[in-house]
Amino acid sequence: MLRTEFKLDVQLRNVNKKLSNVNLDAINVNIDAINVNLGATNVNLNAINVNIDAINVNLGTINVNLNAINFNSDAKNVNVDALNVNIDAINVNLDAINVNLDAINVNLDATNVKLNAINVNLDALNVNIDATSVNFNAINVNIDAINVNSDAR
């Protein structure tokens, strides 16, 4: 189990990890993504101020929960394969390029979520999105979803 509570600055290059049952609750998460492929089942997004800036990000995880405050991701060639990883972090910086993440049962509740993406593929089953002030700027976005509930303000 991985747990952080204070400032954590991480720059990953060619990191391989497998994630199962990862908990992420995020506040002020910045993510900018290009060529993002999202194949998810039961994805719930509960976040506050989430920004995603990424290049070639592939998300393939099972039960990922993100609990973070001021989370910045900036990584290159990051593969995450983890089992039962819990992340409670404040001020976590992660810059990533070519991040592969396949996710099942991802929970994300977000407020003020900004997503600027190019070539974003979203294949999701049972995706629930409850968001306030969500900005989505994307080019070439493909969405194949079943049972998608969107509650945005």
N, C-alpha and C. Protein backbone atom coordinates (compact mmCIF):
# COMPACT_ATOMS: atom_id res chain seq x y z
N MET A 1 0.85 -1.20 0.00
CA MET A 1 0.00 0.00 0.00
C MET A 1 0.88 1.24 0.00
N LEU A 2 0.60 2.14 -0.92
CA LEU A 2 1.37 3.38 -1.00
C LEU A 2 0.55 4.52 -0.45
N ARG A 3 1.11 5.23 0.51
CA ARG A 3 0.35 6.33 1.12
C ARG A 3 1.27 7.52 1.33
N THR A 4 0.83 8.69 0.83
CA THR A 4 1.59 9.91 1.03
C THR A 4 0.65 10.94 1.62
N GLU A 5 1.14 11.79 2.48
CA GLU A 5 0.28 12.76 3.12
C GLU A 5 0.71 14.20 2.93
N PHE A 6 1.95 14.42 2.55
CA PHE A 6 2.38 15.78 2.36
C PHE A 6 2.91 15.97 0.94
N LYS A 7 3.66 17.02 0.72
CA LYS A 7 4.10 17.32 -0.65
C LYS A 7 4.93 16.19 -1.22
N LEU A 8 4.55 15.76 -2.43
CA LEU A 8 5.28 14.69 -3.11
C LEU A 8 5.46 15.08 -4.57
N ASP A 9 6.69 15.31 -4.98
CA ASP A 9 6.98 15.67 -6.36
C ASP A 9 7.59 14.45 -7.04
N VAL A 10 6.89 13.96 -8.07
CA VAL A 10 7.38 12.76 -8.74
C VAL A 10 7.46 12.97 -10.25
N GLN A 11 8.61 12.69 -10.82
CA GLN A 11 8.77 12.74 -12.28
C GLN A 11 9.20 11.34 -12.69
N LEU A 12 8.31 10.66 -13.44
CA LEU A 12 8.57 9.28 -13.79
C LEU A 12 8.98 9.12 -15.25
N ARG A 13 9.96 8.29 -15.48
CA ARG A 13 10.38 7.98 -16.84
C ARG A 13 10.45 6.46 -16.96
N ASN A 14 9.67 5.91 -17.82
CA ASN A 14 9.68 4.47 -18.06
C ASN A 14 9.43 3.68 -16.77
N VAL A 15 8.31 3.98 -16.13
CA VAL A 15 7.94 3.29 -14.88
C VAL A 15 6.83 2.29 -15.18
N ASN A 16 7.02 1.04 -14.78
CA ASN A 16 6.02 0.01 -15.02
C ASN A 16 5.30 -0.34 -13.73
N LYS A 17 3.96 -0.25 -13.75
CA LYS A 17 3.18 -0.60 -12.56
C LYS A 17 1.84 -1.16 -12.98
N LYS A 18 1.30 -2.09 -12.21
CA LYS A 18 -0.04 -2.64 -12.46
C LYS A 18 -0.93 -2.24 -11.31
N LEU A 19 -2.08 -1.60 -11.59
CA LEU A 19 -2.93 -1.10 -10.52
C LEU A 19 -4.25 -1.85 -10.45
N SER A 20 -4.52 -2.37 -9.26
CA SER A 20 -5.84 -2.95 -8.99
C SER A 20 -6.32 -2.35 -7.68
N ASN A 21 -7.53 -1.93 -7.63
CA ASN A 21 -8.08 -1.36 -6.40
C ASN A 21 -7.24 -0.17 -5.92
N VAL A 22 -7.11 0.82 -6.77
CA VAL A 22 -6.38 2.04 -6.42
C VAL A 22 -7.37 3.14 -6.08
N ASN A 23 -7.20 3.74 -4.92
CA ASN A 23 -8.12 4.78 -4.49
C ASN A 23 -7.53 6.16 -4.75
N LEU A 24 -8.24 7.00 -5.51
CA LEU A 24 -7.78 8.35 -5.79
C LEU A 24 -8.92 9.35 -5.61
N ASP A 25 -8.79 10.18 -4.61
CA ASP A 25 -9.75 11.28 -4.43
C ASP A 25 -8.96 12.56 -4.66
N ALA A 26 -9.30 13.30 -5.69
CA ALA A 26 -8.43 14.39 -6.09
C ALA A 26 -9.07 15.76 -6.02
N ILE A 27 -8.28 16.71 -5.53
CA ILE A 27 -8.67 18.11 -5.54
C ILE A 27 -7.57 18.87 -6.26
N ASN A 28 -7.96 19.71 -7.16
CA ASN A 28 -6.98 20.50 -7.91
C ASN A 28 -6.00 19.59 -8.66
N VAL A 29 -6.54 18.74 -9.51
CA VAL A 29 -5.73 17.84 -10.33
C VAL A 29 -5.64 18.40 -11.75
N ASN A 30 -4.43 18.60 -12.23
CA ASN A 30 -4.25 19.15 -13.57
C ASN A 30 -3.82 18.06 -14.55
N ILE A 31 -4.59 17.87 -15.60
CA ILE A 31 -4.24 16.86 -16.61
C ILE A 31 -4.55 17.39 -18.02
N ASP A 32 -3.51 17.53 -18.82
CA ASP A 32 -3.70 17.91 -20.23
C ASP A 32 -3.24 16.73 -21.06
N ALA A 33 -4.11 16.18 -21.90
CA ALA A 33 -3.78 14.95 -22.59
C ALA A 33 -3.91 15.03 -24.10
N ILE A 34 -2.95 14.41 -24.77
CA ILE A 34 -2.99 14.26 -26.22
C ILE A 34 -2.91 12.77 -26.51
N ASN A 35 -3.74 12.31 -27.40
CA ASN A 35 -3.76 10.89 -27.72
C ASN A 35 -4.02 10.06 -26.45
N VAL A 36 -5.16 10.31 -25.84
CA VAL A 36 -5.53 9.59 -24.62
C VAL A 36 -6.56 8.52 -24.94
N ASN A 37 -6.24 7.29 -24.63
CA ASN A 37 -7.16 6.19 -24.85
C ASN A 37 -7.70 5.71 -23.51
N LEU A 38 -9.00 5.82 -23.34
CA LEU A 38 -9.61 5.42 -22.07
C LEU A 38 -10.60 4.29 -22.30
N GLY A 39 -10.26 3.12 -21.82
CA GLY A 39 -11.16 1.97 -21.92
C GLY A 39 -11.53 1.59 -20.49
N ALA A 40 -12.72 2.00 -20.05
CA ALA A 40 -13.07 1.84 -18.64
C ALA A 40 -14.45 1.23 -18.44
N THR A 41 -14.59 0.52 -17.36
CA THR A 41 -15.87 -0.04 -16.97
C THR A 41 -16.21 0.49 -15.58
N ASN A 42 -17.41 0.98 -15.42
CA ASN A 42 -17.83 1.51 -14.12
C ASN A 42 -16.86 2.61 -13.66
N VAL A 43 -16.84 3.70 -14.40
CA VAL A 43 -15.96 4.82 -14.07
C VAL A 43 -16.76 5.95 -13.42
N ASN A 44 -16.40 6.29 -12.22
CA ASN A 44 -17.04 7.40 -11.52
C ASN A 44 -16.01 8.49 -11.27
N LEU A 45 -16.32 9.71 -11.70
CA LEU A 45 -15.39 10.81 -11.54
C LEU A 45 -15.90 11.81 -10.51
N ASN A 46 -15.24 11.87 -9.39
CA ASN A 46 -15.59 12.85 -8.36
C ASN A 46 -14.32 13.63 -8.05
N ALA A 47 -14.23 14.86 -8.56
CA ALA A 47 -12.99 15.63 -8.40
C ALA A 47 -13.29 17.11 -8.30
N ILE A 48 -12.34 17.82 -7.70
CA ILE A 48 -12.46 19.27 -7.61
C ILE A 48 -11.24 19.87 -8.30
N ASN A 49 -11.49 20.77 -9.24
CA ASN A 49 -10.40 21.44 -9.93
C ASN A 49 -9.41 20.42 -10.49
N VAL A 50 -9.88 19.63 -11.43
CA VAL A 50 -9.04 18.60 -12.05
C VAL A 50 -8.61 19.04 -13.44
N ASN A 51 -7.32 19.17 -13.63
CA ASN A 51 -6.77 19.51 -14.94
C ASN A 51 -5.86 18.38 -15.40
N ILE A 52 -6.10 17.90 -16.61
CA ILE A 52 -5.31 16.77 -17.13
C ILE A 52 -4.51 17.21 -18.35
N ASP A 53 -3.19 17.23 -18.20
CA ASP A 53 -2.31 17.54 -19.32
C ASP A 53 -1.43 16.32 -19.56
N ALA A 54 -1.66 15.62 -20.64
CA ALA A 54 -0.92 14.39 -20.90
C ALA A 54 -0.73 14.17 -22.39
N ILE A 55 0.32 13.43 -22.73
CA ILE A 55 0.57 13.07 -24.12
C ILE A 55 0.63 11.55 -24.21
N ASN A 56 -0.16 11.01 -25.10
CA ASN A 56 -0.17 9.56 -25.28
C ASN A 56 -0.41 8.85 -23.94
N VAL A 57 -1.57 9.10 -23.36
CA VAL A 57 -1.91 8.50 -22.07
C VAL A 57 -2.93 7.38 -22.25
N ASN A 58 -2.56 6.19 -21.86
CA ASN A 58 -3.46 5.05 -21.92
C ASN A 58 -3.78 4.63 -20.48
N LEU A 59 -5.06 4.64 -20.14
CA LEU A 59 -5.47 4.32 -18.78
C LEU A 59 -6.14 2.96 -18.72
N GLY A 60 -5.49 2.02 -18.12
CA GLY A 60 -6.06 0.69 -17.95
C GLY A 60 -5.86 0.26 -16.52
N THR A 61 -6.87 0.47 -15.65
CA THR A 61 -6.76 0.07 -14.25
C THR A 61 -8.06 -0.55 -13.76
N ILE A 62 -7.97 -1.21 -12.63
CA ILE A 62 -9.15 -1.82 -12.01
C ILE A 62 -9.35 -1.19 -10.65
N ASN A 63 -10.54 -0.67 -10.42
CA ASN A 63 -10.87 -0.10 -9.12
C ASN A 63 -9.80 0.91 -8.67
N VAL A 64 -9.75 2.02 -9.37
CA VAL A 64 -8.77 3.06 -9.05
C VAL A 64 -9.45 4.23 -8.35
N ASN A 65 -9.03 4.52 -7.14
CA ASN A 65 -9.56 5.66 -6.41
C ASN A 65 -8.42 6.62 -6.12
N LEU A 66 -8.60 7.87 -6.54
CA LEU A 66 -7.55 8.88 -6.36
C LEU A 66 -7.99 9.93 -5.34
N ASN A 67 -7.27 9.99 -4.23
CA ASN A 67 -7.54 10.99 -3.20
C ASN A 67 -6.32 11.90 -3.15
N ALA A 68 -6.39 13.05 -3.78
CA ALA A 68 -5.22 13.93 -3.85
C ALA A 68 -5.64 15.39 -3.84
N ILE A 69 -4.73 16.21 -3.35
CA ILE A 69 -4.94 17.65 -3.38
C ILE A 69 -3.78 18.25 -4.16
N ASN A 70 -4.10 19.08 -5.14
CA ASN A 70 -3.06 19.70 -5.94
C ASN A 70 -2.18 18.63 -6.58
N PHE A 71 -2.81 17.83 -7.43
CA PHE A 71 -2.12 16.72 -8.08
C PHE A 71 -1.75 17.08 -9.51
N ASN A 72 -0.46 17.14 -9.79
CA ASN A 72 0.01 17.44 -11.14
C ASN A 72 0.73 16.22 -11.70
N SER A 73 0.31 15.78 -12.88
CA SER A 73 0.92 14.59 -13.48
C SER A 73 1.70 14.96 -14.72
N ASP A 74 2.99 14.66 -14.71
CA ASP A 74 3.84 14.94 -15.87
C ASP A 74 4.88 13.83 -15.95
N ALA A 75 4.59 12.78 -16.73
CA ALA A 75 5.48 11.63 -16.80
C ALA A 75 5.67 11.15 -18.24
N LYS A 76 6.76 10.43 -18.48
CA LYS A 76 7.03 9.91 -19.82
C LYS A 76 7.10 8.39 -19.77
N ASN A 77 6.37 7.75 -20.65
CA ASN A 77 6.39 6.29 -20.74
C ASN A 77 6.15 5.65 -19.37
N VAL A 78 4.99 5.93 -18.80
CA VAL A 78 4.67 5.39 -17.47
C VAL A 78 3.63 4.27 -17.58
N ASN A 79 4.00 3.09 -17.17
CA ASN A 79 3.07 1.96 -17.13
C ASN A 79 2.83 1.60 -15.67
N VAL A 80 1.58 1.62 -15.25
CA VAL A 80 1.27 1.34 -13.85
C VAL A 80 0.49 0.05 -13.70
N ASP A 81 1.10 -0.93 -13.06
CA ASP A 81 0.42 -2.19 -12.76
C ASP A 81 0.55 -2.38 -11.26
N ALA A 82 -0.50 -2.11 -10.50
CA ALA A 82 -0.42 -2.19 -9.04
C ALA A 82 -1.63 -2.88 -8.45
N LEU A 83 -1.45 -3.46 -7.30
CA LEU A 83 -2.56 -4.14 -6.63
C LEU A 83 -2.81 -3.47 -5.29
N ASN A 84 -4.04 -3.04 -5.09
CA ASN A 84 -4.44 -2.43 -3.82
C ASN A 84 -3.52 -1.26 -3.47
N VAL A 85 -3.50 -0.27 -4.33
CA VAL A 85 -2.68 0.92 -4.08
C VAL A 85 -3.58 2.07 -3.63
N ASN A 86 -3.32 2.58 -2.46
CA ASN A 86 -4.09 3.70 -1.94
C ASN A 86 -3.20 4.94 -1.90
N ILE A 87 -3.65 6.00 -2.54
CA ILE A 87 -2.85 7.22 -2.58
C ILE A 87 -3.62 8.38 -1.96
N ASP A 88 -3.15 8.82 -0.80
CA ASP A 88 -3.71 10.01 -0.16
C ASP A 88 -2.60 11.04 -0.17
N ALA A 89 -2.64 11.98 -1.11
CA ALA A 89 -1.51 12.88 -1.29
C ALA A 89 -1.95 14.33 -1.36
N ILE A 90 -1.05 15.19 -0.89
CA ILE A 90 -1.25 16.63 -1.01
C ILE A 90 -0.09 17.18 -1.80
N ASN A 91 -0.41 17.99 -2.80
CA ASN A 91 0.63 18.59 -3.62
C ASN A 91 1.52 17.51 -4.26
N VAL A 92 0.91 16.65 -5.03
CA VAL A 92 1.65 15.60 -5.74
C VAL A 92 1.82 16.01 -7.19
N ASN A 93 3.08 16.07 -7.63
CA ASN A 93 3.34 16.45 -9.01
C ASN A 93 3.78 15.24 -9.82
N LEU A 94 3.07 14.98 -10.91
CA LEU A 94 3.41 13.84 -11.77
C LEU A 94 3.31 14.28 -13.23
N ASP A 95 4.46 14.36 -13.89
CA ASP A 95 4.50 14.75 -15.30
C ASP A 95 4.75 13.48 -16.11
N ALA A 96 3.81 13.12 -16.95
CA ALA A 96 3.93 11.84 -17.66
C ALA A 96 3.66 11.95 -19.15
N ILE A 97 4.48 11.24 -19.92
CA ILE A 97 4.27 11.13 -21.36
C ILE A 97 4.19 9.64 -21.66
N ASN A 98 3.25 9.29 -22.50
CA ASN A 98 3.06 7.88 -22.84
C ASN A 98 2.73 7.06 -21.59
N VAL A 99 1.62 7.41 -20.97
CA VAL A 99 1.17 6.71 -19.77
C VAL A 99 0.04 5.75 -20.15
N ASN A 100 0.20 4.49 -19.81
CA ASN A 100 -0.82 3.50 -20.12
C ASN A 100 -1.63 3.18 -18.86
N LEU A 101 -2.94 3.39 -18.94
CA LEU A 101 -3.81 3.12 -17.79
C LEU A 101 -5.16 2.58 -18.27
N ASP A 102 -5.41 1.31 -17.97
CA ASP A 102 -6.69 0.69 -18.31
C ASP A 102 -7.47 0.53 -17.02
N ALA A 103 -8.66 1.10 -16.96
CA ALA A 103 -9.35 1.15 -15.67
C ALA A 103 -10.74 0.55 -15.68
N ILE A 104 -11.05 -0.16 -14.63
CA ILE A 104 -12.39 -0.69 -14.38
C ILE A 104 -12.84 -0.18 -13.02
N ASN A 105 -14.04 0.30 -12.96
CA ASN A 105 -14.56 0.81 -11.68
C ASN A 105 -13.69 1.96 -11.16
N VAL A 106 -13.61 3.02 -11.93
CA VAL A 106 -12.86 4.20 -11.53
C VAL A 106 -13.83 5.26 -11.03
N ASN A 107 -13.60 5.74 -9.83
CA ASN A 107 -14.48 6.75 -9.25
C ASN A 107 -13.83 8.13 -9.29
N LEU A 108 -14.50 9.07 -9.92
CA LEU A 108 -13.98 10.44 -10.00
C LEU A 108 -15.13 11.43 -9.93
N ASP A 109 -15.18 12.15 -8.80
CA ASP A 109 -16.20 13.19 -8.63
C ASP A 109 -15.46 14.52 -8.74
N ALA A 110 -15.79 15.31 -9.75
CA ALA A 110 -14.98 16.49 -10.03
C ALA A 110 -15.77 17.78 -10.10
N THR A 111 -15.13 18.83 -9.63
CA THR A 111 -15.65 20.18 -9.75
C THR A 111 -14.61 20.98 -10.50
N ASN A 112 -15.05 21.76 -11.48
CA ASN A 112 -14.11 22.55 -12.25
C ASN A 112 -13.07 21.63 -12.91
N VAL A 113 -13.55 20.75 -13.76
CA VAL A 113 -12.67 19.82 -14.46
C VAL A 113 -12.41 20.33 -15.88
N LYS A 114 -11.15 20.51 -16.21
CA LYS A 114 -10.79 20.97 -17.55
C LYS A 114 -10.04 19.87 -18.29
N LEU A 115 -10.55 19.50 -19.44
CA LEU A 115 -9.90 18.44 -20.22
C LEU A 115 -9.65 18.95 -21.63
N ASN A 116 -8.37 19.15 -21.95
CA ASN A 116 -7.98 19.57 -23.29
C ASN A 116 -7.25 18.39 -23.91
N ALA A 117 -7.90 17.70 -24.83
CA ALA A 117 -7.35 16.46 -25.37
C ALA A 117 -7.44 16.39 -26.88
N ILE A 118 -6.46 15.71 -27.47
CA ILE A 118 -6.47 15.45 -28.90
C ILE A 118 -6.42 13.94 -29.09
N ASN A 119 -7.27 13.45 -29.95
CA ASN A 119 -7.32 12.02 -30.20
C ASN A 119 -7.61 11.26 -28.90
N VAL A 120 -8.79 11.50 -28.35
CA VAL A 120 -9.20 10.84 -27.11
C VAL A 120 -10.22 9.75 -27.42
N ASN A 121 -9.90 8.53 -27.05
CA ASN A 121 -10.82 7.41 -27.25
C ASN A 121 -11.36 6.95 -25.90
N LEU A 122 -12.68 6.97 -25.78
CA LEU A 122 -13.29 6.57 -24.51
C LEU A 122 -14.28 5.42 -24.74
N ASP A 123 -13.89 4.24 -24.29
CA ASP A 123 -14.76 3.07 -24.35
C ASP A 123 -15.08 2.72 -22.90
N ALA A 124 -16.27 3.05 -22.44
CA ALA A 124 -16.58 2.88 -21.01
C ALA A 124 -17.92 2.19 -20.79
N LEU A 125 -17.99 1.46 -19.70
CA LEU A 125 -19.22 0.80 -19.29
C LEU A 125 -19.60 1.32 -17.91
N ASN A 126 -20.82 1.79 -17.79
CA ASN A 126 -21.28 2.30 -16.50
C ASN A 126 -20.38 3.43 -16.01
N VAL A 127 -20.37 4.52 -16.74
CA VAL A 127 -19.57 5.68 -16.36
C VAL A 127 -20.47 6.74 -15.74
N ASN A 128 -20.15 7.13 -14.52
CA ASN A 128 -20.92 8.15 -13.83
C ASN A 128 -20.07 9.40 -13.64
N ILE A 129 -20.58 10.52 -14.12
CA ILE A 129 -19.83 11.77 -14.00
C ILE A 129 -20.69 12.83 -13.32
N ASP A 130 -20.28 13.22 -12.12
CA ASP A 130 -20.95 14.30 -11.40
C ASP A 130 -19.93 15.43 -11.30
N ALA A 131 -20.12 16.48 -12.09
CA ALA A 131 -19.11 17.53 -12.17
C ALA A 131 -19.73 18.92 -12.15
N THR A 132 -18.98 19.86 -11.63
CA THR A 132 -19.38 21.26 -11.66
C THR A 132 -18.33 22.03 -12.43
N SER A 133 -18.77 22.85 -13.37
CA SER A 133 -17.84 23.64 -14.15
C SER A 133 -16.82 22.73 -14.85
N VAL A 134 -17.30 21.95 -15.79
CA VAL A 134 -16.43 21.04 -16.53
C VAL A 134 -16.17 21.59 -17.93
N ASN A 135 -14.89 21.75 -18.25
CA ASN A 135 -14.51 22.24 -19.58
C ASN A 135 -13.82 21.12 -20.34
N PHE A 136 -14.36 20.82 -21.53
CA PHE A 136 -13.80 19.72 -22.31
C PHE A 136 -13.48 20.23 -23.72
N ASN A 137 -12.18 20.33 -24.04
CA ASN A 137 -11.74 20.77 -25.36
C ASN A 137 -10.98 19.60 -25.98
N ALA A 138 -11.60 18.96 -26.99
CA ALA A 138 -10.98 17.77 -27.56
C ALA A 138 -11.08 17.75 -29.08
N ILE A 139 -10.11 17.07 -29.69
CA ILE A 139 -10.11 16.87 -31.14
C ILE A 139 -10.06 15.37 -31.38
N ASN A 140 -10.89 14.91 -32.28
CA ASN A 140 -10.93 13.48 -32.59
C ASN A 140 -11.24 12.67 -31.34
N VAL A 141 -12.43 12.87 -30.81
CA VAL A 141 -12.86 12.16 -29.61
C VAL A 141 -13.86 11.07 -29.97
N ASN A 142 -13.53 9.85 -29.61
CA ASN A 142 -14.42 8.72 -29.85
C ASN A 142 -14.93 8.19 -28.52
N ILE A 143 -16.26 8.16 -28.37
CA ILE A 143 -16.85 7.69 -27.11
C ILE A 143 -17.83 6.55 -27.38
N ASP A 144 -17.49 5.37 -26.85
CA ASP A 144 -18.38 4.21 -26.92
C ASP A 144 -18.70 3.85 -25.48
N ALA A 145 -19.91 4.18 -25.03
CA ALA A 145 -20.23 3.97 -23.62
C ALA A 145 -21.60 3.31 -23.45
N ILE A 146 -21.71 2.54 -22.37
CA ILE A 146 -22.97 1.90 -22.01
C ILE A 146 -23.34 2.36 -20.60
N ASN A 147 -24.56 2.78 -20.41
CA ASN A 147 -25.01 3.22 -19.09
C ASN A 147 -24.14 4.36 -18.58
N VAL A 148 -24.21 5.49 -19.30
CA VAL A 148 -23.44 6.66 -18.90
C VAL A 148 -24.36 7.68 -18.25
N ASN A 149 -24.06 8.04 -17.01
CA ASN A 149 -24.85 9.03 -16.30
C ASN A 149 -24.02 10.30 -16.14
N SER A 150 -24.53 11.41 -16.66
CA SER A 150 -23.79 12.66 -16.56
C SER A 150 -24.62 13.69 -15.81
N ASP A 151 -24.05 14.18 -14.70
CA ASP A 151 -24.72 15.20 -13.90
C ASP A 151 -23.73 16.35 -13.74
N ALA A 152 -23.77 17.30 -14.70
CA ALA A 152 -22.79 18.39 -14.71
C ALA A 152 -23.48 19.73 -14.57
N ARG A 153 -22.78 20.66 -13.90
CA ARG A 153 -23.30 22.00 -13.70
C ARG A 153 -22.27 23.00 -14.19
